[in-house]
Amino acid sequence: MPSAAAILRSQPIRVSPITIWEITRKAAIGKLAPIWTPYPSLSQLLHAQMFTVQPFGWDEAEAASQLPQHHKDPMDRILVATALMHNLAILTDDRLFAPYGVNTVW
C-alpha cells in the first residue's frame, strides 16, 4: 500500500466539504491551530494546492444514513459512504473506518 505522502504527490486529491467544515470548526473553537497559514482560508489553501471538491449530494447522504453505526460520528459515516460510492480512499488513522470495508491510507 502506498504511503499517504506518495498518494498526495501522485494523483488528484478530492476533499469533502464535510472535512473543511470539521477542520474549520475545530480551529474556530481552539481545538486545532489554523493549518492554512499563510493563506487567508483553508479553501484558498486547497485551491492553491490544486485539490478538488468531492461533491456531497443526496445519494451520499442517503447512503450514509443506511450504514451501520460502527462509527458514532455521522460526519465520518458521510465520508465513508462517499468513499464507498465513488471508490475512493480516505486519508485517516481512525480504525473505526475498517468495519465498513473502505480503503484507508495513513
N, C-alpha and C. Protein backbone atom coordinates (compact mmCIF):
# COMPACT_ATOMS: atom_id res chain seq x y z
N MET A 1 0.85 -1.19 0.00
CA MET A 1 0.00 0.00 0.00
C MET A 1 0.89 1.24 0.00
N PRO A 2 0.68 2.16 -0.93
CA PRO A 2 1.49 3.38 -0.96
C PRO A 2 1.21 4.26 0.26
N SER A 3 2.20 5.05 0.62
CA SER A 3 2.04 5.96 1.76
C SER A 3 1.13 7.13 1.38
N ALA A 4 0.64 7.81 2.41
CA ALA A 4 -0.20 8.99 2.17
C ALA A 4 0.57 10.04 1.39
N ALA A 5 1.84 10.24 1.72
CA ALA A 5 2.64 11.25 1.01
C ALA A 5 2.77 10.89 -0.47
N ALA A 6 2.97 9.61 -0.77
CA ALA A 6 3.09 9.19 -2.17
C ALA A 6 1.78 9.42 -2.92
N ILE A 7 0.69 9.12 -2.28
CA ILE A 7 -0.61 9.32 -2.92
C ILE A 7 -0.86 10.81 -3.16
N LEU A 8 -0.54 11.63 -2.17
CA LEU A 8 -0.75 13.07 -2.32
C LEU A 8 0.06 13.65 -3.47
N ARG A 9 1.21 13.05 -3.75
CA ARG A 9 2.05 13.53 -4.84
C ARG A 9 1.64 12.97 -6.20
N SER A 10 0.90 11.88 -6.22
CA SER A 10 0.73 11.15 -7.48
C SER A 10 -0.63 11.28 -8.15
N GLN A 11 -1.62 11.81 -7.49
CA GLN A 11 -2.95 11.85 -8.08
C GLN A 11 -3.76 13.02 -7.57
N PRO A 12 -4.79 13.39 -8.31
CA PRO A 12 -5.65 14.48 -7.83
C PRO A 12 -6.29 14.10 -6.49
N ILE A 13 -6.33 15.04 -5.60
CA ILE A 13 -6.90 14.80 -4.27
C ILE A 13 -8.25 15.51 -4.19
N ARG A 14 -9.25 14.75 -3.77
CA ARG A 14 -10.59 15.31 -3.58
C ARG A 14 -10.82 15.50 -2.09
N VAL A 15 -11.43 16.61 -1.74
CA VAL A 15 -11.70 16.92 -0.34
C VAL A 15 -13.19 17.19 -0.20
N SER A 16 -13.79 16.53 0.76
CA SER A 16 -15.21 16.71 1.01
C SER A 16 -15.47 18.03 1.74
N PRO A 17 -16.57 18.69 1.42
CA PRO A 17 -16.96 19.88 2.20
C PRO A 17 -17.11 19.54 3.69
N ILE A 18 -17.46 18.30 4.00
CA ILE A 18 -17.59 17.87 5.39
C ILE A 18 -16.24 18.02 6.11
N THR A 19 -15.17 17.65 5.44
CA THR A 19 -13.83 17.76 6.02
C THR A 19 -13.47 19.21 6.29
N ILE A 20 -13.78 20.09 5.36
CA ILE A 20 -13.49 21.51 5.54
C ILE A 20 -14.27 22.06 6.73
N TRP A 21 -15.53 21.68 6.81
CA TRP A 21 -16.36 22.13 7.93
C TRP A 21 -15.77 21.67 9.26
N GLU A 22 -15.36 20.40 9.33
CA GLU A 22 -14.83 19.88 10.59
C GLU A 22 -13.52 20.56 10.98
N ILE A 23 -12.62 20.75 10.03
CA ILE A 23 -11.33 21.37 10.34
C ILE A 23 -11.53 22.83 10.77
N THR A 24 -12.33 23.57 10.02
CA THR A 24 -12.51 24.99 10.36
C THR A 24 -13.31 25.17 11.66
N ARG A 25 -14.23 24.26 11.93
CA ARG A 25 -14.98 24.31 13.18
C ARG A 25 -14.04 24.08 14.36
N LYS A 26 -13.16 23.08 14.25
CA LYS A 26 -12.21 22.81 15.34
C LYS A 26 -11.24 23.98 15.52
N ALA A 27 -10.83 24.61 14.44
CA ALA A 27 -9.96 25.79 14.55
C ALA A 27 -10.70 26.94 15.23
N ALA A 28 -11.97 27.11 14.89
CA ALA A 28 -12.76 28.21 15.47
C ALA A 28 -12.94 28.08 16.98
N ILE A 29 -13.00 26.85 17.47
CA ILE A 29 -13.19 26.66 18.93
C ILE A 29 -11.88 26.38 19.66
N GLY A 30 -10.75 26.48 18.93
CA GLY A 30 -9.45 26.35 19.57
C GLY A 30 -8.93 24.94 19.73
N LYS A 31 -9.59 23.94 19.16
CA LYS A 31 -9.12 22.56 19.27
C LYS A 31 -8.04 22.22 18.25
N LEU A 32 -7.86 23.08 17.26
CA LEU A 32 -6.90 22.85 16.20
C LEU A 32 -6.37 24.20 15.75
N ALA A 33 -5.07 24.27 15.56
CA ALA A 33 -4.49 25.52 15.04
C ALA A 33 -4.85 25.65 13.57
N PRO A 34 -5.10 26.87 13.11
CA PRO A 34 -5.37 27.06 11.67
C PRO A 34 -4.17 26.55 10.87
N ILE A 35 -4.42 25.59 9.99
CA ILE A 35 -3.35 24.94 9.24
C ILE A 35 -3.14 25.58 7.88
N TRP A 36 -3.87 26.64 7.58
CA TRP A 36 -3.85 27.20 6.23
C TRP A 36 -2.95 28.41 6.08
N THR A 37 -2.24 28.82 7.12
CA THR A 37 -1.32 29.95 7.03
C THR A 37 -0.28 29.65 5.96
N PRO A 38 0.06 30.53 5.08
CA PRO A 38 -0.19 31.96 5.04
C PRO A 38 -1.45 32.34 4.26
N TYR A 39 -2.26 31.38 3.89
CA TYR A 39 -3.49 31.69 3.14
C TYR A 39 -4.55 32.21 4.11
N PRO A 40 -5.45 33.06 3.61
CA PRO A 40 -6.49 33.60 4.49
C PRO A 40 -7.56 32.59 4.89
N SER A 41 -7.66 31.47 4.15
CA SER A 41 -8.67 30.47 4.49
C SER A 41 -8.21 29.10 4.03
N LEU A 42 -8.81 28.09 4.61
CA LEU A 42 -8.50 26.72 4.22
C LEU A 42 -8.89 26.46 2.77
N SER A 43 -10.03 26.97 2.35
CA SER A 43 -10.45 26.75 0.97
C SER A 43 -9.46 27.37 -0.01
N GLN A 44 -8.91 28.53 0.33
CA GLN A 44 -7.92 29.14 -0.57
C GLN A 44 -6.63 28.31 -0.62
N LEU A 45 -6.23 27.73 0.50
CA LEU A 45 -5.07 26.84 0.51
C LEU A 45 -5.32 25.64 -0.40
N LEU A 46 -6.50 25.03 -0.29
CA LEU A 46 -6.82 23.85 -1.10
C LEU A 46 -6.85 24.19 -2.58
N HIS A 47 -7.42 25.35 -2.92
CA HIS A 47 -7.41 25.78 -4.32
C HIS A 47 -5.98 25.96 -4.82
N ALA A 48 -5.14 26.58 -4.00
CA ALA A 48 -3.75 26.83 -4.39
C ALA A 48 -2.98 25.53 -4.59
N GLN A 49 -3.34 24.50 -3.82
CA GLN A 49 -2.67 23.21 -3.93
C GLN A 49 -3.31 22.31 -4.98
N MET A 50 -4.30 22.85 -5.70
CA MET A 50 -4.96 22.13 -6.79
C MET A 50 -5.81 20.94 -6.32
N PHE A 51 -6.27 20.99 -5.08
CA PHE A 51 -7.20 19.97 -4.61
C PHE A 51 -8.56 20.28 -5.22
N THR A 52 -9.42 19.27 -5.32
CA THR A 52 -10.74 19.48 -5.87
C THR A 52 -11.81 19.09 -4.85
N VAL A 53 -12.99 19.61 -5.07
CA VAL A 53 -14.11 19.30 -4.19
C VAL A 53 -14.69 17.94 -4.54
N GLN A 54 -14.89 17.11 -3.53
CA GLN A 54 -15.62 15.86 -3.73
C GLN A 54 -17.08 16.19 -3.43
N PRO A 55 -17.92 16.17 -4.45
CA PRO A 55 -19.32 16.53 -4.21
C PRO A 55 -19.99 15.65 -3.15
N PHE A 56 -20.85 16.29 -2.41
CA PHE A 56 -21.68 15.61 -1.42
C PHE A 56 -23.13 15.92 -1.78
N GLY A 57 -23.85 14.90 -2.14
CA GLY A 57 -25.22 15.11 -2.59
C GLY A 57 -26.22 14.21 -1.90
N TRP A 58 -27.39 14.16 -2.47
CA TRP A 58 -28.49 13.38 -1.89
C TRP A 58 -28.17 11.90 -1.77
N ASP A 59 -27.57 11.35 -2.81
CA ASP A 59 -27.28 9.92 -2.80
C ASP A 59 -26.30 9.55 -1.69
N GLU A 60 -25.27 10.39 -1.52
CA GLU A 60 -24.30 10.13 -0.46
C GLU A 60 -24.95 10.26 0.92
N ALA A 61 -25.81 11.27 1.07
CA ALA A 61 -26.50 11.46 2.36
C ALA A 61 -27.38 10.26 2.69
N GLU A 62 -28.10 9.78 1.69
CA GLU A 62 -28.97 8.63 1.92
C GLU A 62 -28.16 7.37 2.23
N ALA A 63 -27.07 7.18 1.50
CA ALA A 63 -26.21 6.00 1.75
C ALA A 63 -25.61 6.06 3.15
N ALA A 64 -25.20 7.23 3.60
CA ALA A 64 -24.63 7.37 4.94
C ALA A 64 -25.64 7.01 6.01
N SER A 65 -26.90 7.37 5.78
CA SER A 65 -27.93 7.08 6.80
C SER A 65 -28.23 5.60 6.90
N GLN A 66 -27.84 4.83 5.88
CA GLN A 66 -28.11 3.39 5.88
C GLN A 66 -26.94 2.56 6.39
N LEU A 67 -25.81 3.20 6.66
CA LEU A 67 -24.65 2.46 7.17
C LEU A 67 -24.87 2.05 8.62
N PRO A 68 -24.32 0.90 9.00
CA PRO A 68 -24.36 0.56 10.43
C PRO A 68 -23.54 1.57 11.22
N GLN A 69 -23.85 1.73 12.48
CA GLN A 69 -23.19 2.77 13.28
C GLN A 69 -21.94 2.25 13.99
N HIS A 70 -21.05 1.61 13.20
CA HIS A 70 -19.75 1.22 13.76
C HIS A 70 -19.05 2.47 14.26
N HIS A 71 -19.20 3.53 13.50
CA HIS A 71 -18.60 4.82 13.86
C HIS A 71 -19.73 5.72 14.31
N LYS A 72 -19.62 6.28 15.48
CA LYS A 72 -20.70 7.09 16.04
C LYS A 72 -20.80 8.48 15.42
N ASP A 73 -19.73 8.95 14.78
CA ASP A 73 -19.72 10.30 14.20
C ASP A 73 -20.44 10.29 12.85
N PRO A 74 -21.57 10.99 12.75
CA PRO A 74 -22.31 10.99 11.48
C PRO A 74 -21.53 11.60 10.33
N MET A 75 -20.66 12.56 10.62
CA MET A 75 -19.85 13.16 9.56
C MET A 75 -18.87 12.14 8.99
N ASP A 76 -18.31 11.31 9.84
CA ASP A 76 -17.41 10.27 9.35
C ASP A 76 -18.16 9.22 8.54
N ARG A 77 -19.40 8.93 8.92
CA ARG A 77 -20.19 7.99 8.12
C ARG A 77 -20.50 8.59 6.75
N ILE A 78 -20.66 9.90 6.66
CA ILE A 78 -20.84 10.56 5.36
C ILE A 78 -19.58 10.37 4.51
N LEU A 79 -18.41 10.55 5.13
CA LEU A 79 -17.16 10.34 4.39
C LEU A 79 -17.03 8.90 3.91
N VAL A 80 -17.39 7.96 4.77
CA VAL A 80 -17.34 6.53 4.40
C VAL A 80 -18.27 6.25 3.23
N ALA A 81 -19.50 6.70 3.32
CA ALA A 81 -20.47 6.45 2.25
C ALA A 81 -19.99 7.05 0.93
N THR A 82 -19.45 8.26 0.99
CA THR A 82 -18.94 8.90 -0.21
C THR A 82 -17.80 8.10 -0.81
N ALA A 83 -16.87 7.68 0.03
CA ALA A 83 -15.73 6.90 -0.45
C ALA A 83 -16.18 5.57 -1.06
N LEU A 84 -17.11 4.90 -0.42
CA LEU A 84 -17.60 3.63 -0.95
C LEU A 84 -18.32 3.82 -2.29
N MET A 85 -19.13 4.86 -2.39
CA MET A 85 -19.89 5.09 -3.62
C MET A 85 -19.00 5.46 -4.80
N HIS A 86 -17.88 6.11 -4.52
CA HIS A 86 -17.03 6.63 -5.60
C HIS A 86 -15.68 5.93 -5.68
N ASN A 87 -15.54 4.81 -4.96
CA ASN A 87 -14.31 4.01 -4.97
C ASN A 87 -13.09 4.87 -4.64
N LEU A 88 -13.17 5.57 -3.51
CA LEU A 88 -12.10 6.46 -3.07
C LEU A 88 -11.50 5.93 -1.77
N ALA A 89 -10.28 6.29 -1.52
CA ALA A 89 -9.63 6.01 -0.23
C ALA A 89 -9.81 7.24 0.66
N ILE A 90 -9.78 6.99 1.95
CA ILE A 90 -9.87 8.07 2.93
C ILE A 90 -8.54 8.17 3.66
N LEU A 91 -8.03 9.38 3.76
CA LEU A 91 -6.79 9.63 4.50
C LEU A 91 -7.15 9.78 5.97
N THR A 92 -6.87 8.75 6.76
CA THR A 92 -7.21 8.75 8.18
C THR A 92 -6.43 7.68 8.92
N ASP A 93 -6.26 7.89 10.21
CA ASP A 93 -5.71 6.83 11.06
C ASP A 93 -6.81 6.27 11.98
N ASP A 94 -8.04 6.64 11.73
CA ASP A 94 -9.18 6.21 12.54
C ASP A 94 -9.51 4.75 12.22
N ARG A 95 -9.33 3.89 13.18
CA ARG A 95 -9.55 2.44 12.96
C ARG A 95 -11.03 2.07 12.88
N LEU A 96 -11.91 2.99 13.24
CA LEU A 96 -13.34 2.70 13.17
C LEU A 96 -13.87 2.70 11.74
N PHE A 97 -13.05 3.08 10.78
CA PHE A 97 -13.47 3.05 9.38
C PHE A 97 -13.37 1.63 8.82
N ALA A 98 -12.50 0.81 9.36
CA ALA A 98 -12.24 -0.53 8.83
C ALA A 98 -13.48 -1.42 8.72
N PRO A 99 -14.38 -1.44 9.71
CA PRO A 99 -15.54 -2.33 9.58
C PRO A 99 -16.43 -2.05 8.36
N TYR A 100 -16.29 -0.88 7.78
CA TYR A 100 -17.10 -0.53 6.61
C TYR A 100 -16.49 -1.07 5.32
N GLY A 101 -15.24 -1.51 5.38
CA GLY A 101 -14.59 -2.01 4.18
C GLY A 101 -14.09 -0.92 3.26
N VAL A 102 -13.99 0.29 3.77
CA VAL A 102 -13.49 1.41 2.98
C VAL A 102 -11.97 1.39 3.02
N ASN A 103 -11.35 1.75 1.90
CA ASN A 103 -9.90 1.80 1.81
C ASN A 103 -9.41 3.05 2.55
N THR A 104 -8.50 2.86 3.51
CA THR A 104 -7.93 3.99 4.21
C THR A 104 -6.41 4.01 4.01
N VAL A 105 -5.86 5.20 4.07
CA VAL A 105 -4.43 5.41 3.91
C VAL A 105 -3.97 6.31 5.02
N TRP A 106 -2.81 5.97 5.61
CA TRP A 106 -2.23 6.86 6.62
C TRP A 106 -0.74 6.84 6.55
